[in-house]
Amino acid sequence: KGGAGEERDQPSLTPASPKRPSHAQLRAKIPKKHIVDIKTFIEDPKGTMKPFYEALARTAQGVPGSLTRISHWGDSSVAPDQITALVRNAMQRQFGDGGHGFILTAPPTKWYYHAGVRRRQAGWKNLRIPHRASRDGRYGLGGVRAVGQRGAFATFATRKKSSVGNKTSRFQVYYQKGPRLGRLSLRVDGQPVKTISTRADKASDAVFTLNTSDDVHKFRIWGRSGRVNVYGVVLEREGPGVVYDNLGLTGCFGQRLLNFDAEHLKTQLAFRKTDLMVSMFGGNYLGHPYWRPKHYRRTYEKVIRHWRSARPEAA
């Protein structure tokens, strides 16, 4: 707890192997300009944030390939990517541009947006977790599963003039495999790259990863045949840098996140390698007569336990 204007050390990483930089090398200081007017600092008596600080320390010290991944779930205040884009841009300017992160296949509402990415899509039906629209509890990291038939498509392109997030070197597709499912095709900068079969004997989750040159790119996915279920895509760079996912769900209550199948959520977070999970719900409770502070706290605690059990190694 330093006074206003003091430089303070971030918690440091204890090396797990001789190949990692030493403890002293991984001490990352916060510039004075970022804390000059702060009177009260974040308190963390139980060390809950330690995994995040350790990841950020590696990124701050420029360890090759070190990406700090933050996933931010919330309601309507998060979905337009205003709060999340502000934090994303600030952290990427200081710690490095790790890319745009996770983006839904198709906007579930007109309020969903991702700053700095040009998008087009058609032919998708969204199954949203607030509506409990999927019986199997598989909604993907962002709580929305896009179902498309042959011809459904989605494009994602970075903007050349953006100060951060204008380049991508890794593109990922999060999708579902299962019986009677079809094929999904991918193009990069107009050129066909891969056709993925999503058919399998039983339902499971998968990620297709494509490494590209670190540059401005346009990616396109579309249903080649049959029905395909896509959870979303990821635009990233090699790092070091920060990635900040906007996972806003318009009109959602925190308790709706309990609709996630536990094993499915665990798999999605393992795919994403999330270091910090941010949950920001509450406004939608205020318009309902049954709302009580005790009820809110009780249900929110259930959501946090659900998240912790799915990825206990994250903050």
C-alpha atoms as a PDB file:
ATOM      1  CA  LYS A   1       0.000   0.000   0.000  1.00  0.00           C
ATOM      2  CA  GLY A   2       2.082   2.906  -1.232  1.00  0.00           C
ATOM      3  CA  GLY A   3       1.201   6.565  -1.042  1.00  0.00           C
ATOM      4  CA  ALA A   4       0.105   8.551  -4.066  1.00  0.00           C
ATOM      5  CA  GLY A   5       2.835   8.869  -6.659  1.00  0.00           C
ATOM      6  CA  GLU A   6       5.055   6.086  -5.360  1.00  0.00           C
ATOM      7  CA  GLU A   7       6.375   3.375  -7.615  1.00  0.00           C
ATOM      8  CA  ARG A   8       5.296  -0.057  -6.445  1.00  0.00           C
ATOM      9  CA  ASP A   9       6.497  -3.499  -7.476  1.00  0.00           C
ATOM     10  CA  GLN A  10       4.076  -5.988  -8.973  1.00  0.00           C
ATOM     11  CA  PRO A  11       4.107  -9.422  -7.262  1.00  0.00           C
ATOM     12  CA  SER A  12       6.895 -11.391  -8.885  1.00  0.00           C
ATOM     13  CA  LEU A  13       7.101 -14.872 -10.343  1.00  0.00           C
ATOM     14  CA  THR A  14       9.009 -17.567  -8.520  1.00  0.00           C
ATOM     15  CA  PRO A  15      10.830 -19.514 -11.250  1.00  0.00           C
ATOM     16  CA  ALA A  16       9.501 -23.039 -11.797  1.00  0.00           C
ATOM     17  CA  SER A  17      12.495 -24.172 -13.854  1.00  0.00           C
ATOM     18  CA  PRO A  18      16.114 -23.054 -14.499  1.00  0.00           C
ATOM     19  CA  LYS A  19      15.161 -21.932 -18.018  1.00  0.00           C
ATOM     20  CA  ARG A  20      12.927 -19.135 -16.748  1.00  0.00           C
ATOM     21  CA  PRO A  21      14.316 -15.693 -15.878  1.00  0.00           C
ATOM     22  CA  SER A  22      15.331 -15.202 -12.263  1.00  0.00           C
ATOM     23  CA  HIS A  23      13.057 -13.723  -9.589  1.00  0.00           C
ATOM     24  CA  ALA A  24      14.874 -10.389  -9.767  1.00  0.00           C
ATOM     25  CA  GLN A  25      14.551 -10.172 -13.543  1.00  0.00           C
ATOM     26  CA  LEU A  26      10.774 -10.496 -13.356  1.00  0.00           C
ATOM     27  CA  ARG A  27      10.106  -7.533 -11.064  1.00  0.00           C
ATOM     28  CA  ALA A  28       7.823  -5.151 -12.974  1.00  0.00           C
ATOM     29  CA  LYS A  29       7.255  -1.605 -11.736  1.00  0.00           C
ATOM     30  CA  ILE A  30       4.169   0.508 -12.294  1.00  0.00           C
ATOM     31  CA  PRO A  31       5.020   3.920 -13.844  1.00  0.00           C
ATOM     32  CA  LYS A  32       4.300   6.833 -11.517  1.00  0.00           C
ATOM     33  CA  LYS A  33       1.943   8.482 -14.012  1.00  0.00           C
ATOM     34  CA  HIS A  34      -0.500   5.593 -13.652  1.00  0.00           C
ATOM     35  CA  ILE A  35      -0.866   5.857  -9.867  1.00  0.00           C
ATOM     36  CA  VAL A  36      -0.154   9.505  -9.109  1.00  0.00           C
ATOM     37  CA  ASP A  37      -3.691  10.382  -7.937  1.00  0.00           C
ATOM     38  CA  ILE A  38      -4.679   7.056  -6.400  1.00  0.00           C
ATOM     39  CA  LYS A  39      -5.363   7.229  -2.660  1.00  0.00           C
ATOM     40  CA  THR A  40      -6.423   3.620  -1.995  1.00  0.00           C
ATOM     41  CA  PHE A  41      -4.874   0.668  -3.766  1.00  0.00           C
ATOM     42  CA  ILE A  42      -6.487  -2.699  -4.494  1.00  0.00           C
ATOM     43  CA  GLU A  43      -6.263  -4.998  -1.487  1.00  0.00           C
ATOM     44  CA  ASP A  44      -5.723  -8.715  -1.980  1.00  0.00           C
ATOM     45  CA  PRO A  45      -5.155 -10.280   1.469  1.00  0.00           C
ATOM     46  CA  LYS A  46      -5.576 -13.883   0.273  1.00  0.00           C
ATOM     47  CA  GLY A  47      -3.396 -13.568  -2.818  1.00  0.00           C
ATOM     48  CA  THR A  48      -6.320 -14.247  -5.154  1.00  0.00           C
ATOM     49  CA  MET A  49      -4.765 -12.139  -7.919  1.00  0.00           C
ATOM     50  CA  LYS A  50      -1.354 -13.815  -7.791  1.00  0.00           C
ATOM     51  CA  PRO A  51      -1.753 -15.898 -11.006  1.00  0.00           C
ATOM     52  CA  PHE A  52      -2.642 -12.757 -12.939  1.00  0.00           C
ATOM     53  CA  TYR A  53       0.246 -10.719 -11.509  1.00  0.00           C
ATOM     54  CA  GLU A  54       2.677 -13.511 -12.313  1.00  0.00           C
ATOM     55  CA  ALA A  55       1.492 -13.669 -15.923  1.00  0.00           C
ATOM     56  CA  LEU A  56       1.634  -9.886 -16.260  1.00  0.00           C
ATOM     57  CA  ALA A  57       5.155  -9.813 -14.766  1.00  0.00           C
ATOM     58  CA  ARG A  58       6.384 -12.205 -17.459  1.00  0.00           C
ATOM     59  CA  THR A  59       4.726 -10.074 -20.135  1.00  0.00           C
ATOM     60  CA  ALA A  60       6.100  -6.827 -18.709  1.00  0.00           C
ATOM     61  CA  GLN A  61       9.630  -8.224 -18.746  1.00  0.00           C
ATOM     62  CA  GLY A  62       9.305  -9.262 -22.390  1.00  0.00           C
ATOM     63  CA  VAL A  63       9.556 -13.025 -21.950  1.00  0.00           C
ATOM     64  CA  PRO A  64       9.126 -14.382 -25.521  1.00  0.00           C
ATOM     65  CA  GLY A  65       5.615 -15.627 -26.244  1.00  0.00           C
ATOM     66  CA  SER A  66       4.254 -14.466 -22.892  1.00  0.00           C
ATOM     67  CA  LEU A  67       0.626 -13.443 -23.374  1.00  0.00           C
ATOM     68  CA  THR A  68      -1.477 -12.287 -20.431  1.00  0.00           C
ATOM     69  CA  ARG A  69      -5.077 -13.226 -21.191  1.00  0.00           C
ATOM     70  CA  ILE A  70      -8.023 -11.508 -19.518  1.00  0.00           C
ATOM     71  CA  SER A  71     -11.617 -12.633 -20.127  1.00  0.00           C
ATOM     72  CA  HIS A  72     -14.340 -10.172 -19.110  1.00  0.00           C
ATOM     73  CA  TRP A  73     -17.963 -11.367 -18.813  1.00  0.00           C
ATOM     74  CA  GLY A  74     -20.763  -8.905 -18.172  1.00  0.00           C
ATOM     75  CA  ASP A  75     -24.174  -7.623 -19.143  1.00  0.00           C
ATOM     76  CA  SER A  76     -25.197  -4.707 -21.372  1.00  0.00           C
ATOM     77  CA  SER A  77     -22.514  -2.428 -19.937  1.00  0.00           C
ATOM     78  CA  VAL A  78     -19.836  -4.767 -21.328  1.00  0.00           C
ATOM     79  CA  ALA A  79     -21.364  -5.949 -24.634  1.00  0.00           C
ATOM     80  CA  PRO A  80     -20.677  -2.736 -26.677  1.00  0.00           C
ATOM     81  CA  ASP A  81     -16.921  -3.091 -25.943  1.00  0.00           C
ATOM     82  CA  GLN A  82     -16.515   0.416 -24.556  1.00  0.00           C
ATOM     83  CA  ILE A  83     -15.194  -0.376 -21.076  1.00  0.00           C
ATOM     84  CA  THR A  84     -13.290  -3.412 -22.300  1.00  0.00           C
ATOM     85  CA  ALA A  85     -11.789  -1.619 -25.327  1.00  0.00           C
ATOM     86  CA  LEU A  86     -10.601   1.228 -23.094  1.00  0.00           C
ATOM     87  CA  VAL A  87      -8.797  -1.193 -20.783  1.00  0.00           C
ATOM     88  CA  ARG A  88      -7.551  -3.321 -23.683  1.00  0.00           C
ATOM     89  CA  ASN A  89      -5.970  -0.362 -25.468  1.00  0.00           C
ATOM     90  CA  ALA A  90      -4.381   1.036 -22.306  1.00  0.00           C
ATOM     91  CA  MET A  91      -2.847  -2.283 -21.291  1.00  0.00           C
ATOM     92  CA  GLN A  92      -1.649  -3.101 -24.800  1.00  0.00           C
ATOM     93  CA  ARG A  93       0.103   0.253 -25.119  1.00  0.00           C
ATOM     94  CA  GLN A  94       1.952  -0.377 -21.869  1.00  0.00           C
ATOM     95  CA  PHE A  95       2.589  -4.136 -21.948  1.00  0.00           C
ATOM     96  CA  GLY A  96       2.378  -5.048 -25.639  1.00  0.00           C
ATOM     97  CA  ASP A  97      -0.266  -5.733 -28.279  1.00  0.00           C
ATOM     98  CA  GLY A  98      -1.431  -9.338 -28.000  1.00  0.00           C
ATOM     99  CA  GLY A  99      -4.319  -8.988 -30.450  1.00  0.00           C
ATOM    100  CA  HIS A 100      -8.090  -8.648 -30.189  1.00  0.00           C
ATOM    101  CA  GLY A 101      -8.819 -11.908 -28.422  1.00  0.00           C
ATOM    102  CA  PHE A 102     -12.095 -13.823 -28.450  1.00  0.00           C
ATOM    103  CA  ILE A 103     -14.952 -12.602 -30.698  1.00  0.00           C
ATOM    104  CA  LEU A 104     -18.395 -14.146 -31.118  1.00  0.00           C
ATOM    105  CA  THR A 105     -19.214 -15.673 -34.513  1.00  0.00           C
ATOM    106  CA  ALA A 106     -22.259 -13.450 -35.038  1.00  0.00           C
ATOM    107  CA  PRO A 107     -23.595 -10.621 -32.836  1.00  0.00           C
ATOM    108  CA  PRO A 108     -26.377 -12.023 -30.623  1.00  0.00           C
ATOM    109  CA  THR A 109     -27.938  -8.534 -30.323  1.00  0.00           C
ATOM    110  CA  LYS A 110     -27.467  -5.185 -32.026  1.00  0.00           C
ATOM    111  CA  TRP A 111     -25.580  -3.939 -28.943  1.00  0.00           C
ATOM    112  CA  TYR A 112     -22.724  -6.440 -29.225  1.00  0.00           C
ATOM    113  CA  TYR A 113     -19.584  -4.923 -30.757  1.00  0.00           C
ATOM    114  CA  HIS A 114     -15.814  -5.362 -30.888  1.00  0.00           C
ATOM    115  CA  ALA A 115     -13.797  -2.189 -31.458  1.00  0.00           C
ATOM    116  CA  GLY A 116     -11.124  -2.235 -34.148  1.00  0.00           C
ATOM    117  CA  VAL A 117     -12.464  -5.242 -36.073  1.00  0.00           C
ATOM    118  CA  ARG A 118     -14.479  -5.004 -39.302  1.00  0.00           C
ATOM    119  CA  ARG A 119     -17.107  -7.730 -39.481  1.00  0.00           C
ATOM    120  CA  ARG A 120     -19.754  -9.211 -41.765  1.00  0.00           C
ATOM    121  CA  GLN A 121     -21.905 -12.261 -41.179  1.00  0.00           C
ATOM    122  CA  ALA A 122     -25.109 -13.941 -42.313  1.00  0.00           C
ATOM    123  CA  GLY A 123     -27.011 -17.196 -41.926  1.00  0.00           C
ATOM    124  CA  TRP A 124     -26.413 -17.898 -38.224  1.00  0.00           C
ATOM    125  CA  LYS A 125     -28.881 -18.713 -35.468  1.00  0.00           C
ATOM    126  CA  ASN A 126     -27.577 -17.891 -31.996  1.00  0.00           C
ATOM    127  CA  LEU A 127     -28.265 -20.079 -28.967  1.00  0.00           C
ATOM    128  CA  ARG A 128     -27.737 -17.758 -25.981  1.00  0.00           C
ATOM    129  CA  ILE A 129     -26.989 -18.780 -22.429  1.00  0.00           C
ATOM    130  CA  PRO A 130     -29.388 -16.171 -20.897  1.00  0.00           C
ATOM    131  CA  HIS A 131     -32.251 -17.973 -22.643  1.00  0.00           C
ATOM    132  CA  ARG A 132     -30.978 -21.442 -21.714  1.00  0.00           C
ATOM    133  CA  ALA A 133     -31.384 -22.211 -25.408  1.00  0.00           C
ATOM    134  CA  SER A 134     -29.069 -25.240 -25.494  1.00  0.00           C
ATOM    135  CA  ARG A 135     -30.066 -28.337 -23.554  1.00  0.00           C
ATOM    136  CA  ASP A 136     -26.527 -29.675 -23.392  1.00  0.00           C
ATOM    137  CA  GLY A 137     -25.118 -26.519 -21.740  1.00  0.00           C
ATOM    138  CA  ARG A 138     -22.539 -25.991 -24.506  1.00  0.00           C
ATOM    139  CA  TYR A 139     -22.430 -22.283 -25.311  1.00  0.00           C
ATOM    140  CA  GLY A 140     -18.732 -21.663 -25.808  1.00  0.00           C
ATOM    141  CA  LEU A 141     -16.520 -19.190 -23.958  1.00  0.00           C
ATOM    142  CA  GLY A 142     -18.748 -16.207 -24.776  1.00  0.00           C
ATOM    143  CA  GLY A 143     -22.054 -17.822 -23.836  1.00  0.00           C
ATOM    144  CA  VAL A 144     -23.375 -17.877 -27.421  1.00  0.00           C
ATOM    145  CA  ARG A 145     -23.323 -20.836 -29.821  1.00  0.00           C
ATOM    146  CA  ALA A 146     -23.807 -19.934 -33.481  1.00  0.00           C
ATOM    147  CA  VAL A 147     -25.572 -22.599 -35.544  1.00  0.00           C
ATOM    148  CA  GLY A 148     -25.259 -22.378 -39.310  1.00  0.00           C
ATOM    149  CA  GLN A 149     -26.155 -24.401 -42.363  1.00  0.00           C
ATOM    150  CA  ARG A 150     -24.344 -24.501 -45.693  1.00  0.00           C
ATOM    151  CA  GLY A 151     -23.626 -20.937 -46.832  1.00  0.00           C
ATOM    152  CA  ALA A 152     -23.587 -19.298 -43.389  1.00  0.00           C
ATOM    153  CA  PHE A 153     -20.470 -17.117 -43.126  1.00  0.00           C
ATOM    154  CA  ALA A 154     -18.593 -14.677 -40.904  1.00  0.00           C
ATOM    155  CA  THR A 155     -15.627 -12.421 -41.730  1.00  0.00           C
ATOM    156  CA  PHE A 156     -13.183 -10.716 -39.372  1.00  0.00           C
ATOM    157  CA  ALA A 157     -10.675  -8.102 -40.535  1.00  0.00           C
ATOM    158  CA  THR A 158      -8.311  -5.882 -38.565  1.00  0.00           C
ATOM    159  CA  ARG A 159      -8.073  -2.155 -39.272  1.00  0.00           C
ATOM    160  CA  LYS A 160      -4.804  -0.835 -40.719  1.00  0.00           C
ATOM    161  CA  LYS A 161      -5.009   2.540 -38.977  1.00  0.00           C
ATOM    162  CA  SER A 162      -5.609   1.219 -35.457  1.00  0.00           C
ATOM    163  CA  SER A 163      -2.886   2.146 -32.960  1.00  0.00           C
ATOM    164  CA  VAL A 164      -3.153  -1.347 -31.425  1.00  0.00           C
ATOM    165  CA  GLY A 165      -4.814  -4.513 -32.675  1.00  0.00           C
ATOM    166  CA  ASN A 166      -4.126  -3.935 -36.363  1.00  0.00           C
ATOM    167  CA  LYS A 167      -2.085  -7.116 -36.808  1.00  0.00           C
ATOM    168  CA  THR A 168      -2.745 -10.796 -36.234  1.00  0.00           C
ATOM    169  CA  SER A 169      -0.407 -13.782 -36.374  1.00  0.00           C
ATOM    170  CA  ARG A 170      -2.692 -16.471 -34.959  1.00  0.00           C
ATOM    171  CA  PHE A 171      -6.327 -17.185 -35.841  1.00  0.00           C
ATOM    172  CA  GLN A 172      -8.381 -19.754 -33.965  1.00  0.00           C
ATOM    173  CA  VAL A 173     -11.863 -21.189 -34.463  1.00  0.00           C
ATOM    174  CA  TYR A 174     -13.694 -22.580 -31.419  1.00  0.00           C
ATOM    175  CA  TYR A 175     -16.299 -25.096 -32.564  1.00  0.00           C
ATOM    176  CA  GLN A 176     -18.301 -28.167 -31.621  1.00  0.00           C
ATOM    177  CA  LYS A 177     -17.845 -31.675 -32.962  1.00  0.00           C
ATOM    178  CA  GLY A 178     -20.604 -34.273 -32.950  1.00  0.00           C
ATOM    179  CA  PRO A 179     -22.835 -36.712 -34.834  1.00  0.00           C
ATOM    180  CA  ARG A 180     -24.438 -35.542 -38.079  1.00  0.00           C
ATOM    181  CA  LEU A 181     -22.481 -32.274 -38.122  1.00  0.00           C
ATOM    182  CA  GLY A 182     -20.976 -30.885 -41.324  1.00  0.00           C
ATOM    183  CA  ARG A 183     -17.876 -29.154 -42.635  1.00  0.00           C
ATOM    184  CA  LEU A 184     -16.502 -25.689 -41.983  1.00  0.00           C
ATOM    185  CA  SER A 185     -14.167 -23.860 -44.385  1.00  0.00           C
ATOM    186  CA  LEU A 186     -11.639 -21.086 -43.787  1.00  0.00           C
ATOM    187  CA  ARG A 187     -10.191 -18.409 -46.057  1.00  0.00           C
ATOM    188  CA  VAL A 188      -7.396 -15.950 -45.274  1.00  0.00           C
ATOM    189  CA  ASP A 189      -7.075 -12.798 -47.390  1.00  0.00           C
ATOM    190  CA  GLY A 190      -9.361 -14.354 -49.979  1.00  0.00           C
ATOM    191  CA  GLN A 191      -7.397 -17.593 -50.326  1.00  0.00           C
ATOM    192  CA  PRO A 192      -8.812 -20.997 -49.277  1.00  0.00           C
ATOM    193  CA  VAL A 193      -6.773 -22.473 -46.444  1.00  0.00           C
ATOM    194  CA  LYS A 194      -8.580 -25.339 -44.751  1.00  0.00           C
ATOM    195  CA  THR A 195     -11.819 -27.314 -44.645  1.00  0.00           C
ATOM    196  CA  ILE A 196     -12.593 -28.740 -41.204  1.00  0.00           C
ATOM    197  CA  SER A 197     -14.837 -31.736 -40.640  1.00  0.00           C
ATOM    198  CA  THR A 198     -16.857 -31.249 -37.458  1.00  0.00           C
ATOM    199  CA  ARG A 199     -18.401 -34.734 -37.524  1.00  0.00           C
ATOM    200  CA  ALA A 200     -17.617 -37.084 -34.624  1.00  0.00           C
ATOM    201  CA  ASP A 201     -19.163 -40.055 -32.838  1.00  0.00           C
ATOM    202  CA  LYS A 202     -20.090 -37.974 -29.794  1.00  0.00           C
ATOM    203  CA  ALA A 203     -20.317 -34.295 -28.860  1.00  0.00           C
ATOM    204  CA  SER A 204     -17.054 -32.578 -27.894  1.00  0.00           C
ATOM    205  CA  ASP A 205     -15.289 -29.235 -28.202  1.00  0.00           C
ATOM    206  CA  ALA A 206     -12.376 -28.426 -30.486  1.00  0.00           C
ATOM    207  CA  VAL A 207     -10.138 -25.553 -31.585  1.00  0.00           C
ATOM    208  CA  PHE A 208      -8.540 -25.122 -34.990  1.00  0.00           C
ATOM    209  CA  THR A 209      -5.414 -22.939 -34.936  1.00  0.00           C
ATOM    210  CA  LEU A 210      -3.887 -21.228 -37.962  1.00  0.00           C
ATOM    211  CA  ASN A 211      -0.558 -19.402 -37.692  1.00  0.00           C
ATOM    212  CA  THR A 212      -0.011 -16.605 -40.204  1.00  0.00           C
ATOM    213  CA  SER A 213       2.427 -13.785 -40.861  1.00  0.00           C
ATOM    214  CA  ASP A 214       2.175 -10.987 -38.299  1.00  0.00           C
ATOM    215  CA  ASP A 215       0.243  -8.528 -40.440  1.00  0.00           C
ATOM    216  CA  VAL A 216      -3.162  -7.080 -41.327  1.00  0.00           C
ATOM    217  CA  HIS A 217      -5.448  -9.945 -42.361  1.00  0.00           C
ATOM    218  CA  LYS A 218      -9.017 -10.782 -43.281  1.00  0.00           C
ATOM    219  CA  PHE A 219     -10.409 -14.116 -42.115  1.00  0.00           C
ATOM    220  CA  ARG A 220     -13.579 -15.785 -43.344  1.00  0.00           C
ATOM    221  CA  ILE A 221     -15.336 -18.894 -42.067  1.00  0.00           C
ATOM    222  CA  TRP A 222     -18.385 -20.436 -43.708  1.00  0.00           C
ATOM    223  CA  GLY A 223     -20.472 -23.577 -43.594  1.00  0.00           C
ATOM    224  CA  ARG A 224     -19.330 -25.857 -46.403  1.00  0.00           C
ATOM    225  CA  SER A 225     -21.895 -28.607 -45.850  1.00  0.00           C
ATOM    226  CA  GLY A 226     -24.422 -29.739 -43.273  1.00  0.00           C
ATOM    227  CA  ARG A 227     -24.908 -28.018 -39.922  1.00  0.00           C
ATOM    228  CA  VAL A 228     -21.988 -26.447 -38.044  1.00  0.00           C
ATOM    229  CA  ASN A 229     -21.812 -25.144 -34.470  1.00  0.00           C
ATOM    230  CA  VAL A 230     -19.256 -22.381 -33.873  1.00  0.00           C
ATOM    231  CA  TYR A 231     -18.580 -20.737 -30.496  1.00  0.00           C
ATOM    232  CA  GLY A 232     -16.376 -17.920 -31.779  1.00  0.00           C
ATOM    233  CA  VAL A 233     -12.936 -17.007 -33.073  1.00  0.00           C
ATOM    234  CA  VAL A 234      -9.701 -15.647 -31.587  1.00  0.00           C
ATOM    235  CA  LEU A 235      -7.371 -13.062 -33.135  1.00  0.00           C
ATOM    236  CA  GLU A 236      -3.993 -13.013 -31.392  1.00  0.00           C
ATOM    237  CA  ARG A 237      -0.289 -12.309 -31.780  1.00  0.00           C
ATOM    238  CA  GLU A 238       2.725 -14.189 -30.433  1.00  0.00           C
ATOM    239  CA  GLY A 239       3.488 -11.766 -27.627  1.00  0.00           C
ATOM    240  CA  PRO A 240       4.728 -10.584 -25.298  1.00  0.00           C
ATOM    241  CA  GLY A 241       1.486  -8.674 -24.856  1.00  0.00           C
ATOM    242  CA  VAL A 242      -1.965  -8.472 -23.281  1.00  0.00           C
ATOM    243  CA  VAL A 243      -5.212  -9.862 -24.719  1.00  0.00           C
ATOM    244  CA  TYR A 244      -8.543  -8.620 -23.319  1.00  0.00           C
ATOM    245  CA  ASP A 245     -11.703 -10.530 -24.287  1.00  0.00           C
ATOM    246  CA  ASN A 246     -15.070  -8.763 -24.430  1.00  0.00           C
ATOM    247  CA  LEU A 247     -17.650 -11.395 -23.436  1.00  0.00           C
ATOM    248  CA  GLY A 248     -20.657  -9.164 -22.863  1.00  0.00           C
ATOM    249  CA  LEU A 249     -24.169 -10.661 -22.858  1.00  0.00           C
ATOM    250  CA  THR A 250     -26.965  -8.128 -23.271  1.00  0.00           C
ATOM    251  CA  GLY A 251     -29.799  -8.536 -20.771  1.00  0.00           C
ATOM    252  CA  CYS A 252     -27.998 -11.226 -18.804  1.00  0.00           C
ATOM    253  CA  PHE A 253     -28.153 -11.932 -15.070  1.00  0.00           C
ATOM    254  CA  GLY A 254     -25.081 -13.365 -13.385  1.00  0.00           C
ATOM    255  CA  GLN A 255     -26.988 -16.492 -12.338  1.00  0.00           C
ATOM    256  CA  ARG A 256     -27.614 -17.363 -15.994  1.00  0.00           C
ATOM    257  CA  LEU A 257     -23.943 -18.345 -16.256  1.00  0.00           C
ATOM    258  CA  LEU A 258     -24.805 -21.377 -14.139  1.00  0.00           C
ATOM    259  CA  ASN A 259     -26.407 -22.705 -17.329  1.00  0.00           C
ATOM    260  CA  PHE A 260     -22.904 -23.635 -18.529  1.00  0.00           C
ATOM    261  CA  ASP A 261     -22.171 -27.338 -18.407  1.00  0.00           C
ATOM    262  CA  ALA A 262     -19.302 -27.595 -15.899  1.00  0.00           C
ATOM    263  CA  GLU A 263     -17.005 -29.794 -18.009  1.00  0.00           C
ATOM    264  CA  HIS A 264     -17.686 -27.731 -21.121  1.00  0.00           C
ATOM    265  CA  LEU A 265     -16.761 -24.506 -19.301  1.00  0.00           C
ATOM    266  CA  LYS A 266     -13.598 -26.139 -17.985  1.00  0.00           C
ATOM    267  CA  THR A 267     -12.605 -27.160 -21.504  1.00  0.00           C
ATOM    268  CA  GLN A 268     -13.276 -23.713 -22.953  1.00  0.00           C
ATOM    269  CA  LEU A 269     -11.190 -21.956 -20.299  1.00  0.00           C
ATOM    270  CA  ALA A 270      -8.389 -24.484 -20.775  1.00  0.00           C
ATOM    271  CA  PHE A 271      -8.418 -23.773 -24.529  1.00  0.00           C
ATOM    272  CA  ARG A 272      -8.279 -20.033 -23.821  1.00  0.00           C
ATOM    273  CA  LYS A 273      -5.576 -20.279 -21.118  1.00  0.00           C
ATOM    274  CA  THR A 274      -7.227 -17.400 -19.261  1.00  0.00           C
ATOM    275  CA  ASP A 275      -5.124 -15.746 -16.506  1.00  0.00           C
ATOM    276  CA  LEU A 276      -7.770 -13.380 -15.117  1.00  0.00           C
ATOM    277  CA  MET A 277     -11.551 -13.880 -15.156  1.00  0.00           C
ATOM    278  CA  VAL A 278     -13.611 -10.711 -14.681  1.00  0.00           C
ATOM    279  CA  SER A 279     -17.322 -10.885 -13.837  1.00  0.00           C
ATOM    280  CA  MET A 280     -19.472  -7.741 -13.998  1.00  0.00           C
ATOM    281  CA  PHE A 281     -23.213  -8.278 -13.515  1.00  0.00           C
ATOM    282  CA  GLY A 282     -25.893  -6.619 -11.445  1.00  0.00           C
ATOM    283  CA  GLY A 283     -27.735  -3.832 -13.240  1.00  0.00           C
ATOM    284  CA  ASN A 284     -30.465  -6.072 -14.634  1.00  0.00           C
ATOM    285  CA  TYR A 285     -31.469  -7.212 -11.144  1.00  0.00           C
ATOM    286  CA  LEU A 286     -32.648  -3.731 -10.195  1.00  0.00           C
ATOM    287  CA  GLY A 287     -35.713  -3.819 -12.452  1.00  0.00           C
ATOM    288  CA  HIS A 288     -37.247  -6.904 -10.836  1.00  0.00           C
ATOM    289  CA  PRO A 289     -39.418  -6.908  -7.708  1.00  0.00           C
ATOM    290  CA  TYR A 290     -37.874 -10.101  -6.307  1.00  0.00           C
ATOM    291  CA  TRP A 291     -34.399  -8.550  -6.123  1.00  0.00           C
ATOM    292  CA  ARG A 292     -32.787  -8.462  -2.665  1.00  0.00           C
ATOM    293  CA  PRO A 293     -29.136  -7.845  -1.774  1.00  0.00           C
ATOM    294  CA  LYS A 294     -28.893 -11.216  -0.002  1.00  0.00           C
ATOM    295  CA  HIS A 295     -30.268 -13.013  -3.062  1.00  0.00           C
ATOM    296  CA  TYR A 296     -27.819 -11.187  -5.321  1.00  0.00           C
ATOM    297  CA  ARG A 297     -24.849 -12.068  -3.125  1.00  0.00           C
ATOM    298  CA  ARG A 298     -25.896 -15.717  -2.801  1.00  0.00           C
ATOM    299  CA  THR A 299     -26.314 -16.260  -6.539  1.00  0.00           C
ATOM    300  CA  TYR A 300     -23.125 -14.347  -7.391  1.00  0.00           C
ATOM    301  CA  GLU A 301     -21.147 -16.528  -4.997  1.00  0.00           C
ATOM    302  CA  LYS A 302     -22.467 -19.595  -6.850  1.00  0.00           C
ATOM    303  CA  VAL A 303     -21.264 -18.134 -10.153  1.00  0.00           C
ATOM    304  CA  ILE A 304     -17.789 -17.422  -8.769  1.00  0.00           C
ATOM    305  CA  ARG A 305     -17.530 -20.971  -7.381  1.00  0.00           C
ATOM    306  CA  HIS A 306     -18.632 -22.304 -10.786  1.00  0.00           C
ATOM    307  CA  TRP A 307     -15.828 -20.309 -12.428  1.00  0.00           C
ATOM    308  CA  ARG A 308     -13.174 -21.221  -9.850  1.00  0.00           C
ATOM    309  CA  SER A 309     -13.883 -24.934 -10.162  1.00  0.00           C
ATOM    310  CA  ALA A 310     -13.580 -24.656 -13.945  1.00  0.00           C
ATOM    311  CA  ARG A 311     -10.181 -22.938 -13.865  1.00  0.00           C
ATOM    312  CA  PRO A 312      -8.672 -22.849 -10.355  1.00  0.00           C
ATOM    313  CA  GLU A 313      -5.240 -21.816 -11.675  1.00  0.00           C
ATOM    314  CA  ALA A 314      -6.589 -18.430 -12.848  1.00  0.00           C
ATOM    315  CA  ALA A 315      -7.351 -15.298 -10.829  1.00  0.00           C
END
